[in-house]
């Protein structure tokens, strides 16, 4: 398999999952500005949507969208328990978390990274994130991870988007349980390995 990524983007989530699973895989960096891959290829031929992540499977198929990719990967090695069994209420709860992170946290960050976004719009986005983090803080109190004691693909995704907070001067320390979660996940060997591989931290 090959994961197409951009350092620190939401593609870090499946990168963490691949490390957690101990799978064999290749990576290729994508320049999102010119849509070129590190080998000089046209990324739009891989993923016409133009953004990461994309996972090229061994049979040549390409899977896109982070929440779909991480579930696919985890389902290949169910013994690692990064996702609950298909069809169980626990699996739907995991999907509930993935959708919340995708629509209510990930997308709320988007205007903050665009230089053309008006200041008033940025303020609204920051206020929205603060509201979401306030709710998250309550959910994480007394829990190691989003669904309890077991690390799942949803935790990899939440960690990835929480890492963007420092880039927009949003101090996670305002939400102690969220901050503790971020530090806890960041200390996992697989998370550290994925970040080192993307040049986000030193070995």
N, C-alpha and C. Protein backbone atom coordinates (compact mmCIF):
# COMPACT_ATOMS: atom_id res chain seq x y z
N UNK A 1 0.84 -1.19 0.00
CA UNK A 1 0.00 0.00 0.00
C UNK A 1 0.88 1.24 0.00
N UNK A 2 0.30 2.33 -0.49
CA UNK A 2 1.02 3.60 -0.45
C UNK A 2 0.09 4.69 0.07
N UNK A 3 0.57 5.42 1.08
CA UNK A 3 -0.18 6.54 1.64
C UNK A 3 0.36 7.84 1.06
N UNK A 4 -0.50 8.61 0.44
CA UNK A 4 -0.13 9.94 -0.04
C UNK A 4 -0.47 10.92 1.08
N UNK A 5 0.52 11.73 1.46
CA UNK A 5 0.36 12.59 2.62
C UNK A 5 0.98 13.97 2.40
N UNK A 6 0.60 14.88 3.26
CA UNK A 6 1.25 16.18 3.38
C UNK A 6 1.55 16.36 4.86
N UNK A 7 2.78 16.72 5.22
CA UNK A 7 3.17 16.75 6.63
C UNK A 7 2.22 17.56 7.51
N UNK A 8 1.71 16.91 8.56
CA UNK A 8 0.86 17.58 9.53
C UNK A 8 -0.58 17.76 9.11
N UNK A 9 -0.91 17.41 7.87
CA UNK A 9 -2.30 17.51 7.41
C UNK A 9 -3.10 16.36 7.99
N UNK A 10 -4.36 16.26 7.61
CA UNK A 10 -5.22 15.21 8.18
C UNK A 10 -4.76 13.81 7.78
N UNK A 11 -3.85 13.73 6.80
CA UNK A 11 -3.27 12.43 6.43
C UNK A 11 -2.40 11.85 7.54
N UNK A 12 -2.07 12.66 8.55
CA UNK A 12 -1.33 12.12 9.70
C UNK A 12 -2.14 11.06 10.41
N UNK A 13 -3.46 11.17 10.38
CA UNK A 13 -4.33 10.21 11.06
C UNK A 13 -4.15 8.79 10.54
N UNK A 14 -4.31 8.53 9.23
CA UNK A 14 -4.05 7.17 8.75
C UNK A 14 -2.58 6.77 8.87
N UNK A 15 -1.69 7.74 8.84
CA UNK A 15 -0.26 7.43 9.04
C UNK A 15 -0.04 6.85 10.44
N UNK A 16 -0.68 7.45 11.43
CA UNK A 16 -0.61 6.92 12.81
C UNK A 16 -1.21 5.52 12.87
N UNK A 17 -2.34 5.33 12.21
CA UNK A 17 -3.01 4.03 12.24
C UNK A 17 -2.13 2.95 11.60
N UNK A 18 -1.49 3.27 10.50
CA UNK A 18 -0.58 2.32 9.86
C UNK A 18 0.55 1.93 10.81
N UNK A 19 1.06 2.91 11.56
CA UNK A 19 2.11 2.62 12.53
C UNK A 19 1.58 1.77 13.68
N UNK A 20 0.39 2.08 14.15
CA UNK A 20 -0.21 1.31 15.25
C UNK A 20 -0.41 -0.15 14.85
N UNK A 21 -0.78 -0.37 13.59
CA UNK A 21 -1.05 -1.72 13.10
C UNK A 21 0.23 -2.48 12.75
N UNK A 22 1.32 -1.75 12.57
CA UNK A 22 2.58 -2.40 12.19
C UNK A 22 2.56 -2.95 10.77
N UNK A 23 1.78 -2.30 9.90
CA UNK A 23 1.66 -2.76 8.52
C UNK A 23 2.86 -2.34 7.68
N UNK A 24 3.05 -3.05 6.58
CA UNK A 24 4.05 -2.66 5.59
C UNK A 24 3.39 -1.68 4.63
N UNK A 25 4.03 -0.55 4.41
CA UNK A 25 3.45 0.45 3.52
C UNK A 25 4.54 1.41 3.04
N UNK A 26 4.24 2.09 1.96
CA UNK A 26 5.09 3.17 1.45
C UNK A 26 4.36 4.48 1.64
N UNK A 27 5.10 5.57 1.60
CA UNK A 27 4.48 6.89 1.64
C UNK A 27 5.02 7.74 0.49
N UNK A 28 4.22 8.68 0.07
CA UNK A 28 4.70 9.67 -0.90
C UNK A 28 4.13 11.03 -0.52
N UNK A 29 5.03 11.97 -0.39
CA UNK A 29 4.65 13.33 0.00
C UNK A 29 3.99 14.06 -1.18
N UNK A 30 3.00 14.87 -0.85
CA UNK A 30 2.27 15.63 -1.87
C UNK A 30 2.42 17.11 -1.58
N UNK A 31 2.75 17.88 -2.61
CA UNK A 31 2.74 19.33 -2.51
C UNK A 31 1.33 19.78 -2.87
N UNK A 32 0.59 20.22 -1.87
CA UNK A 32 -0.82 20.55 -2.11
C UNK A 32 -1.00 21.83 -2.91
N UNK A 33 0.05 22.66 -2.97
CA UNK A 33 -0.04 23.91 -3.73
C UNK A 33 -0.05 23.64 -5.23
N UNK A 34 0.88 22.78 -5.69
CA UNK A 34 0.94 22.52 -7.14
C UNK A 34 0.43 21.13 -7.52
N UNK A 35 -0.07 20.38 -6.51
CA UNK A 35 -0.66 19.06 -6.75
C UNK A 35 0.34 18.08 -7.37
N UNK A 36 1.60 18.21 -6.98
CA UNK A 36 2.63 17.31 -7.46
C UNK A 36 3.10 16.40 -6.33
N UNK A 37 3.42 15.15 -6.69
CA UNK A 37 3.96 14.23 -5.70
C UNK A 37 5.47 14.38 -5.66
N UNK A 38 6.07 13.81 -4.63
CA UNK A 38 7.52 13.93 -4.46
C UNK A 38 8.28 13.33 -5.63
N UNK A 39 7.69 12.35 -6.31
CA UNK A 39 8.35 11.73 -7.46
C UNK A 39 8.08 12.48 -8.76
N UNK A 40 7.34 13.60 -8.65
CA UNK A 40 7.06 14.41 -9.84
C UNK A 40 5.76 14.10 -10.54
N UNK A 41 4.98 13.20 -9.97
CA UNK A 41 3.72 12.83 -10.59
C UNK A 41 2.62 13.85 -10.36
N UNK A 42 1.56 13.74 -11.13
CA UNK A 42 0.38 14.60 -11.01
C UNK A 42 -0.56 13.97 -9.99
N UNK A 43 -0.66 14.59 -8.82
CA UNK A 43 -1.48 14.01 -7.76
C UNK A 43 -2.95 13.93 -8.17
N UNK A 44 -3.39 14.82 -9.03
CA UNK A 44 -4.79 14.81 -9.46
C UNK A 44 -5.14 13.54 -10.22
N UNK A 45 -4.11 12.85 -10.74
CA UNK A 45 -4.35 11.56 -11.38
C UNK A 45 -4.59 10.47 -10.34
N UNK A 46 -4.09 10.69 -9.13
CA UNK A 46 -4.30 9.76 -8.02
C UNK A 46 -5.62 10.06 -7.33
N UNK A 47 -5.79 11.31 -6.94
CA UNK A 47 -7.00 11.77 -6.28
C UNK A 47 -7.47 13.07 -6.92
N UNK A 48 -8.45 13.01 -7.80
CA UNK A 48 -8.94 14.21 -8.49
C UNK A 48 -9.47 15.29 -7.55
N UNK A 49 -9.76 14.92 -6.30
CA UNK A 49 -10.23 15.92 -5.34
C UNK A 49 -9.11 16.89 -4.98
N UNK A 50 -7.86 16.43 -5.11
CA UNK A 50 -6.72 17.32 -4.91
C UNK A 50 -6.23 17.48 -3.49
N UNK A 51 -6.82 16.74 -2.56
CA UNK A 51 -6.34 16.85 -1.18
C UNK A 51 -5.96 15.48 -0.64
N UNK A 52 -5.27 15.49 0.47
CA UNK A 52 -4.86 14.23 1.12
C UNK A 52 -5.83 13.94 2.27
N UNK A 53 -5.85 12.65 2.72
CA UNK A 53 -5.03 11.52 2.30
C UNK A 53 -5.65 10.77 1.13
N UNK A 54 -4.79 9.95 0.50
CA UNK A 54 -5.25 8.94 -0.45
C UNK A 54 -4.43 7.69 -0.15
N UNK A 55 -5.08 6.56 -0.19
CA UNK A 55 -4.40 5.29 0.05
C UNK A 55 -4.53 4.43 -1.20
N UNK A 56 -3.39 4.15 -1.82
CA UNK A 56 -3.39 3.27 -2.99
C UNK A 56 -3.20 1.84 -2.51
N UNK A 57 -4.17 1.00 -2.81
CA UNK A 57 -4.14 -0.39 -2.35
C UNK A 57 -3.27 -1.24 -3.26
N UNK A 58 -2.96 -2.43 -2.80
CA UNK A 58 -2.10 -3.32 -3.56
C UNK A 58 -2.70 -3.70 -4.92
N UNK A 59 -4.02 -3.68 -5.02
CA UNK A 59 -4.67 -4.03 -6.29
C UNK A 59 -4.82 -2.83 -7.22
N UNK A 60 -4.29 -1.66 -6.80
CA UNK A 60 -4.34 -0.48 -7.65
C UNK A 60 -5.48 0.47 -7.33
N UNK A 61 -6.47 -0.02 -6.59
CA UNK A 61 -7.57 0.87 -6.22
C UNK A 61 -7.07 1.97 -5.29
N UNK A 62 -7.75 3.13 -5.33
CA UNK A 62 -7.40 4.25 -4.46
C UNK A 62 -8.59 4.57 -3.57
N UNK A 63 -8.33 4.62 -2.27
CA UNK A 63 -9.35 4.97 -1.28
C UNK A 63 -9.03 6.35 -0.75
N UNK A 64 -10.05 7.21 -0.68
CA UNK A 64 -9.86 8.57 -0.16
C UNK A 64 -10.78 8.80 1.03
N UNK A 65 -10.58 9.93 1.68
CA UNK A 65 -11.32 10.38 2.86
C UNK A 65 -10.81 9.65 4.10
N UNK A 66 -10.23 10.41 5.01
CA UNK A 66 -9.59 9.86 6.20
C UNK A 66 -10.42 8.89 7.01
N UNK A 67 -11.66 9.25 7.38
CA UNK A 67 -12.47 8.33 8.20
C UNK A 67 -12.70 6.98 7.53
N UNK A 68 -12.83 6.97 6.20
CA UNK A 68 -13.00 5.70 5.48
C UNK A 68 -11.69 4.92 5.47
N UNK A 69 -10.59 5.61 5.25
CA UNK A 69 -9.28 4.95 5.17
C UNK A 69 -8.92 4.29 6.49
N UNK A 70 -9.10 5.01 7.60
CA UNK A 70 -8.68 4.44 8.89
C UNK A 70 -9.52 3.23 9.27
N UNK A 71 -10.80 3.24 8.92
CA UNK A 71 -11.64 2.07 9.21
C UNK A 71 -11.23 0.89 8.34
N UNK A 72 -10.95 1.16 7.07
CA UNK A 72 -10.50 0.10 6.18
C UNK A 72 -9.23 -0.54 6.73
N UNK A 73 -8.26 0.28 7.10
CA UNK A 73 -6.99 -0.24 7.60
C UNK A 73 -7.20 -1.09 8.86
N UNK A 74 -7.94 -0.54 9.81
CA UNK A 74 -8.15 -1.25 11.08
C UNK A 74 -8.90 -2.55 10.87
N UNK A 75 -9.81 -2.60 9.89
CA UNK A 75 -10.56 -3.83 9.63
C UNK A 75 -9.68 -4.94 9.04
N UNK A 76 -8.51 -4.55 8.50
CA UNK A 76 -7.60 -5.56 7.97
C UNK A 76 -6.93 -6.35 9.09
N UNK A 77 -6.85 -5.74 10.27
CA UNK A 77 -6.21 -6.40 11.41
C UNK A 77 -7.09 -6.23 12.65
N UNK A 78 -8.24 -6.90 12.69
CA UNK A 78 -9.19 -6.72 13.79
C UNK A 78 -8.61 -7.09 15.16
N UNK A 79 -7.58 -7.94 15.15
CA UNK A 79 -6.99 -8.35 16.42
C UNK A 79 -6.32 -7.19 17.15
N UNK A 80 -6.01 -6.11 16.43
CA UNK A 80 -5.39 -4.94 17.06
C UNK A 80 -6.42 -4.06 17.78
N UNK A 81 -7.69 -4.32 17.52
CA UNK A 81 -8.81 -3.65 18.21
C UNK A 81 -8.80 -2.13 18.09
N UNK A 82 -8.42 -1.64 16.91
CA UNK A 82 -8.48 -0.19 16.68
C UNK A 82 -9.87 0.26 16.24
N UNK A 83 -10.71 -0.71 15.90
CA UNK A 83 -12.14 -0.44 15.64
C UNK A 83 -12.95 -1.58 16.25
N UNK A 84 -14.15 -1.28 16.74
CA UNK A 84 -15.03 -2.36 17.21
C UNK A 84 -15.53 -3.18 16.01
N UNK A 85 -16.11 -4.31 16.31
CA UNK A 85 -16.62 -5.21 15.26
C UNK A 85 -17.74 -4.55 14.48
N UNK A 86 -17.74 -4.78 13.15
CA UNK A 86 -18.80 -4.25 12.28
C UNK A 86 -20.15 -4.75 12.75
N UNK A 87 -21.13 -3.83 12.75
CA UNK A 87 -22.49 -4.21 13.11
C UNK A 87 -22.84 -4.02 14.57
N UNK A 88 -21.85 -3.77 15.40
CA UNK A 88 -22.12 -3.57 16.82
C UNK A 88 -22.43 -2.10 17.10
N UNK A 89 -23.12 -1.85 18.21
CA UNK A 89 -23.39 -0.47 18.60
C UNK A 89 -22.09 0.28 18.86
N UNK A 90 -21.09 -0.43 19.37
CA UNK A 90 -19.78 0.21 19.62
C UNK A 90 -19.16 0.74 18.32
N UNK A 91 -19.38 0.00 17.22
CA UNK A 91 -18.84 0.47 15.92
C UNK A 91 -19.56 1.74 15.48
N UNK A 92 -20.87 1.78 15.69
CA UNK A 92 -21.60 2.99 15.31
C UNK A 92 -21.22 4.17 16.19
N UNK A 93 -20.88 3.92 17.43
CA UNK A 93 -20.39 4.99 18.30
C UNK A 93 -19.06 5.52 17.80
N UNK A 94 -18.22 4.62 17.31
CA UNK A 94 -16.95 5.05 16.73
C UNK A 94 -17.19 5.92 15.49
N UNK A 95 -18.11 5.48 14.66
CA UNK A 95 -18.44 6.26 13.46
C UNK A 95 -19.03 7.62 13.84
N UNK A 96 -19.78 7.64 14.92
CA UNK A 96 -20.33 8.89 15.44
C UNK A 96 -19.19 9.85 15.79
N UNK A 97 -18.15 9.34 16.46
CA UNK A 97 -16.99 10.16 16.79
C UNK A 97 -16.26 10.64 15.54
N UNK A 98 -16.04 9.74 14.58
CA UNK A 98 -15.34 10.12 13.36
C UNK A 98 -16.09 11.23 12.61
N UNK A 99 -17.40 11.12 12.58
CA UNK A 99 -18.20 12.15 11.91
C UNK A 99 -18.15 13.47 12.66
N UNK A 100 -18.20 13.41 13.98
CA UNK A 100 -18.11 14.64 14.78
C UNK A 100 -16.77 15.34 14.54
N UNK A 101 -15.69 14.58 14.59
CA UNK A 101 -14.36 15.17 14.40
C UNK A 101 -14.25 15.78 13.01
N UNK A 102 -14.76 15.05 12.01
CA UNK A 102 -14.66 15.51 10.63
C UNK A 102 -15.45 16.79 10.37
N UNK A 103 -16.69 16.80 10.82
CA UNK A 103 -17.57 17.93 10.47
C UNK A 103 -17.51 19.09 11.46
N UNK A 104 -17.32 18.79 12.73
CA UNK A 104 -17.43 19.84 13.75
C UNK A 104 -16.09 20.38 14.24
N UNK A 105 -15.01 19.62 14.06
CA UNK A 105 -13.70 20.08 14.51
C UNK A 105 -12.78 20.34 13.32
N UNK A 106 -12.56 19.32 12.51
CA UNK A 106 -11.70 19.45 11.34
C UNK A 106 -12.12 20.64 10.47
N UNK A 107 -13.38 20.66 10.07
CA UNK A 107 -13.83 21.71 9.14
C UNK A 107 -13.87 23.09 9.79
N UNK A 108 -14.01 23.13 11.10
CA UNK A 108 -14.00 24.44 11.79
C UNK A 108 -12.63 25.09 11.71
N UNK A 109 -11.58 24.27 11.57
CA UNK A 109 -10.23 24.83 11.44
C UNK A 109 -9.98 25.44 10.06
N UNK A 110 -10.68 24.94 9.05
CA UNK A 110 -10.36 25.30 7.66
C UNK A 110 -10.24 26.79 7.38
N UNK A 111 -11.20 27.64 7.83
CA UNK A 111 -11.08 29.07 7.53
C UNK A 111 -9.84 29.71 8.14
N UNK A 112 -9.32 29.12 9.22
CA UNK A 112 -8.20 29.71 9.93
C UNK A 112 -6.89 29.56 9.18
N UNK A 113 -6.84 28.65 8.22
CA UNK A 113 -5.62 28.43 7.45
C UNK A 113 -5.62 29.15 6.10
N UNK A 114 -6.69 29.87 5.81
CA UNK A 114 -6.78 30.58 4.53
C UNK A 114 -6.45 32.06 4.74
N UNK A 115 -5.41 32.57 4.08
CA UNK A 115 -5.01 33.97 4.28
C UNK A 115 -6.07 34.98 3.87
N UNK A 116 -6.99 34.57 3.02
CA UNK A 116 -8.02 35.49 2.54
C UNK A 116 -9.26 35.53 3.44
N UNK A 117 -9.29 34.70 4.48
CA UNK A 117 -10.45 34.67 5.37
C UNK A 117 -10.54 35.96 6.17
N UNK A 118 -11.68 36.65 6.15
CA UNK A 118 -11.84 37.90 6.94
C UNK A 118 -11.68 37.62 8.43
N UNK A 119 -11.21 38.62 9.15
CA UNK A 119 -10.96 38.46 10.59
C UNK A 119 -12.22 38.06 11.35
N UNK A 120 -13.36 38.62 10.94
CA UNK A 120 -14.61 38.30 11.64
C UNK A 120 -14.96 36.82 11.47
N UNK A 121 -14.70 36.30 10.29
CA UNK A 121 -14.96 34.88 10.03
C UNK A 121 -14.02 34.01 10.86
N UNK A 122 -12.76 34.43 10.98
CA UNK A 122 -11.81 33.69 11.79
C UNK A 122 -12.23 33.67 13.26
N UNK A 123 -12.72 34.82 13.73
CA UNK A 123 -13.18 34.88 15.12
C UNK A 123 -14.34 33.91 15.35
N UNK A 124 -15.26 33.86 14.39
CA UNK A 124 -16.39 32.94 14.50
C UNK A 124 -15.91 31.49 14.54
N UNK A 125 -14.92 31.17 13.70
CA UNK A 125 -14.37 29.81 13.67
C UNK A 125 -13.72 29.46 15.00
N UNK A 126 -12.98 30.39 15.57
CA UNK A 126 -12.33 30.15 16.87
C UNK A 126 -13.37 29.96 17.97
N UNK A 127 -14.43 30.76 17.91
CA UNK A 127 -15.50 30.61 18.91
C UNK A 127 -16.18 29.26 18.78
N UNK A 128 -16.37 28.80 17.54
CA UNK A 128 -16.98 27.50 17.30
C UNK A 128 -16.09 26.39 17.86
N UNK A 129 -14.79 26.48 17.60
CA UNK A 129 -13.86 25.48 18.12
C UNK A 129 -13.87 25.46 19.64
N UNK A 130 -13.90 26.63 20.24
CA UNK A 130 -13.93 26.70 21.71
C UNK A 130 -15.16 25.98 22.27
N UNK A 131 -16.29 26.16 21.60
CA UNK A 131 -17.52 25.49 22.01
C UNK A 131 -17.39 23.98 21.89
N UNK A 132 -16.80 23.53 20.78
CA UNK A 132 -16.61 22.10 20.56
C UNK A 132 -15.64 21.51 21.60
N UNK A 133 -14.58 22.24 21.89
CA UNK A 133 -13.59 21.76 22.85
C UNK A 133 -14.17 21.72 24.27
N UNK A 134 -15.05 22.64 24.55
CA UNK A 134 -15.72 22.65 25.85
C UNK A 134 -16.53 21.37 26.03
N UNK A 135 -17.25 20.99 24.98
CA UNK A 135 -18.04 19.76 25.03
C UNK A 135 -17.12 18.54 25.10
N UNK A 136 -16.06 18.54 24.27
CA UNK A 136 -15.11 17.43 24.27
C UNK A 136 -14.48 17.24 25.64
N UNK A 137 -14.18 18.35 26.29
CA UNK A 137 -13.54 18.28 27.60
C UNK A 137 -14.40 17.51 28.59
N UNK A 138 -15.70 17.73 28.52
CA UNK A 138 -16.62 17.01 29.40
C UNK A 138 -16.65 15.52 29.06
N UNK A 139 -16.61 15.20 27.77
CA UNK A 139 -16.67 13.79 27.35
C UNK A 139 -15.41 13.02 27.75
N UNK A 140 -14.29 13.72 27.78
CA UNK A 140 -13.01 13.05 28.06
C UNK A 140 -12.68 12.95 29.55
N UNK A 141 -13.45 13.62 30.37
CA UNK A 141 -13.17 13.53 31.81
C UNK A 141 -13.35 12.09 32.29
N UNK A 142 -12.32 11.56 32.93
CA UNK A 142 -12.37 10.20 33.44
C UNK A 142 -12.12 9.12 32.40
N UNK A 143 -11.77 9.53 31.18
CA UNK A 143 -11.49 8.57 30.11
C UNK A 143 -10.06 8.77 29.59
N UNK A 144 -9.42 7.67 29.24
CA UNK A 144 -8.12 7.79 28.57
C UNK A 144 -8.30 8.18 27.11
N UNK A 145 -9.34 7.60 26.48
CA UNK A 145 -9.57 7.81 25.05
C UNK A 145 -11.05 8.07 24.81
N UNK A 146 -11.40 8.38 23.57
CA UNK A 146 -12.77 8.80 23.27
C UNK A 146 -13.82 7.76 23.63
N UNK A 147 -13.51 6.49 23.41
CA UNK A 147 -14.51 5.45 23.69
C UNK A 147 -14.26 4.74 25.01
N UNK A 148 -13.27 5.20 25.77
CA UNK A 148 -12.98 4.57 27.06
C UNK A 148 -11.50 4.29 27.24
N UNK A 149 -11.17 3.04 27.58
CA UNK A 149 -9.77 2.70 27.86
C UNK A 149 -9.01 2.25 26.61
N UNK A 150 -9.73 1.96 25.51
CA UNK A 150 -9.11 1.42 24.31
C UNK A 150 -8.82 2.51 23.28
N UNK A 151 -7.58 2.62 22.83
CA UNK A 151 -7.22 3.54 21.76
C UNK A 151 -7.84 3.05 20.45
N UNK A 152 -8.45 3.97 19.70
CA UNK A 152 -9.07 3.61 18.41
C UNK A 152 -8.63 4.60 17.34
N UNK A 153 -9.09 4.33 16.12
CA UNK A 153 -8.78 5.22 14.99
C UNK A 153 -9.34 6.62 15.21
N UNK A 154 -10.41 6.75 15.98
CA UNK A 154 -10.98 8.07 16.25
C UNK A 154 -10.00 8.93 17.06
N UNK A 155 -9.26 8.29 17.95
CA UNK A 155 -8.28 9.02 18.75
C UNK A 155 -7.13 9.52 17.88
N UNK A 156 -6.74 8.73 16.89
CA UNK A 156 -5.69 9.17 15.97
C UNK A 156 -6.15 10.40 15.20
N UNK A 157 -7.41 10.41 14.79
CA UNK A 157 -7.96 11.53 14.04
C UNK A 157 -8.08 12.78 14.91
N UNK A 158 -8.60 12.60 16.13
CA UNK A 158 -8.74 13.77 17.01
C UNK A 158 -7.37 14.36 17.35
N UNK A 159 -6.40 13.52 17.64
CA UNK A 159 -5.05 14.02 17.92
C UNK A 159 -4.53 14.85 16.75
N UNK A 160 -4.75 14.36 15.54
CA UNK A 160 -4.26 15.06 14.35
C UNK A 160 -4.82 16.47 14.24
N UNK A 161 -6.12 16.63 14.45
CA UNK A 161 -6.70 17.96 14.30
C UNK A 161 -6.40 18.84 15.51
N UNK A 162 -6.28 18.23 16.70
CA UNK A 162 -5.91 19.03 17.87
C UNK A 162 -4.52 19.62 17.73
N UNK A 163 -3.65 18.94 16.98
CA UNK A 163 -2.29 19.43 16.77
C UNK A 163 -2.27 20.76 16.02
N UNK A 164 -3.36 21.05 15.33
CA UNK A 164 -3.43 22.32 14.59
C UNK A 164 -3.68 23.51 15.50
N UNK A 165 -4.09 23.27 16.72
CA UNK A 165 -4.47 24.36 17.62
C UNK A 165 -3.33 25.36 17.83
N UNK A 166 -2.12 24.85 17.97
CA UNK A 166 -1.00 25.76 18.24
C UNK A 166 -0.72 26.68 17.05
N UNK A 167 -1.07 26.23 15.85
CA UNK A 167 -0.84 27.05 14.66
C UNK A 167 -1.79 28.23 14.58
N UNK A 168 -2.89 28.15 15.30
CA UNK A 168 -3.87 29.25 15.29
C UNK A 168 -3.96 29.91 16.66
N UNK A 169 -2.91 29.65 17.48
CA UNK A 169 -2.80 30.27 18.81
C UNK A 169 -4.00 29.97 19.70
N UNK A 170 -4.42 28.70 19.66
CA UNK A 170 -5.50 28.23 20.52
C UNK A 170 -4.87 27.32 21.56
N UNK A 171 -4.87 27.76 22.81
CA UNK A 171 -4.18 27.05 23.88
C UNK A 171 -5.07 25.94 24.45
N UNK A 172 -4.68 24.69 24.21
CA UNK A 172 -5.48 23.56 24.68
C UNK A 172 -5.52 23.46 26.20
N UNK A 173 -4.61 24.13 26.87
CA UNK A 173 -4.59 24.09 28.34
C UNK A 173 -5.88 24.65 28.94
N UNK A 174 -6.63 25.40 28.16
CA UNK A 174 -7.94 25.92 28.61
C UNK A 174 -8.90 24.78 28.91
N UNK A 175 -8.65 23.62 28.31
CA UNK A 175 -9.52 22.46 28.46
C UNK A 175 -8.65 21.31 28.99
N UNK A 176 -8.54 21.16 30.29
CA UNK A 176 -7.58 20.21 30.88
C UNK A 176 -7.70 18.78 30.40
N UNK A 177 -8.91 18.27 30.24
CA UNK A 177 -9.07 16.88 29.80
C UNK A 177 -8.66 16.72 28.34
N UNK A 178 -8.96 17.71 27.53
CA UNK A 178 -8.54 17.70 26.12
C UNK A 178 -7.02 17.75 26.03
N UNK A 179 -6.43 18.64 26.81
CA UNK A 179 -4.98 18.78 26.81
C UNK A 179 -4.31 17.48 27.28
N UNK A 180 -4.84 16.87 28.32
CA UNK A 180 -4.28 15.61 28.82
C UNK A 180 -4.39 14.51 27.77
N UNK A 181 -5.52 14.47 27.07
CA UNK A 181 -5.71 13.51 25.98
C UNK A 181 -4.65 13.71 24.90
N UNK A 182 -4.44 14.96 24.50
CA UNK A 182 -3.47 15.28 23.46
C UNK A 182 -2.06 14.82 23.85
N UNK A 183 -1.69 15.07 25.10
CA UNK A 183 -0.37 14.67 25.58
C UNK A 183 -0.27 13.14 25.66
N UNK A 184 -1.34 12.51 26.09
CA UNK A 184 -1.35 11.04 26.23
C UNK A 184 -1.18 10.36 24.88
N UNK A 185 -1.94 10.80 23.90
CA UNK A 185 -1.85 10.21 22.57
C UNK A 185 -0.50 10.53 21.93
N UNK A 186 -0.04 11.75 22.14
CA UNK A 186 1.24 12.15 21.56
C UNK A 186 2.42 11.37 22.07
N UNK A 187 2.27 10.73 23.23
CA UNK A 187 3.35 9.94 23.82
C UNK A 187 3.38 8.51 23.30
N UNK A 188 2.37 8.10 22.54
CA UNK A 188 2.34 6.74 22.02
C UNK A 188 3.46 6.55 21.00
N UNK A 189 4.18 5.42 21.08
CA UNK A 189 5.29 5.19 20.14
C UNK A 189 4.90 5.29 18.67
N UNK A 190 3.72 4.79 18.31
CA UNK A 190 3.29 4.83 16.92
C UNK A 190 3.04 6.26 16.46
N UNK A 191 2.51 7.07 17.36
CA UNK A 191 2.24 8.47 17.03
C UNK A 191 3.56 9.21 16.83
N UNK A 192 4.49 8.98 17.73
CA UNK A 192 5.81 9.60 17.62
C UNK A 192 6.50 9.19 16.32
N UNK A 193 6.39 7.90 15.98
CA UNK A 193 7.03 7.39 14.76
C UNK A 193 6.44 8.03 13.51
N UNK A 194 5.13 8.18 13.46
CA UNK A 194 4.49 8.82 12.31
C UNK A 194 4.90 10.28 12.18
N UNK A 195 5.00 10.96 13.31
CA UNK A 195 5.39 12.37 13.29
C UNK A 195 6.86 12.54 12.88
N UNK A 196 7.72 11.64 13.35
CA UNK A 196 9.12 11.68 12.92
C UNK A 196 9.21 11.44 11.41
N UNK A 197 8.45 10.48 10.92
CA UNK A 197 8.47 10.16 9.48
C UNK A 197 8.02 11.33 8.63
N UNK A 198 7.14 12.18 9.17
CA UNK A 198 6.66 13.34 8.42
C UNK A 198 7.48 14.60 8.69
N UNK A 199 8.53 14.45 9.51
CA UNK A 199 9.37 15.60 9.80
C UNK A 199 8.75 16.59 10.76
N UNK A 200 7.78 16.13 11.55
CA UNK A 200 7.07 17.01 12.48
C UNK A 200 7.74 17.07 13.85
N UNK A 201 8.61 16.11 14.11
CA UNK A 201 9.36 16.11 15.35
C UNK A 201 10.66 15.33 15.14
N UNK A 202 11.59 15.54 16.04
CA UNK A 202 12.87 14.83 15.94
C UNK A 202 12.75 13.46 16.60
N UNK A 203 13.54 12.54 16.12
CA UNK A 203 13.51 11.17 16.65
C UNK A 203 13.92 11.14 18.12
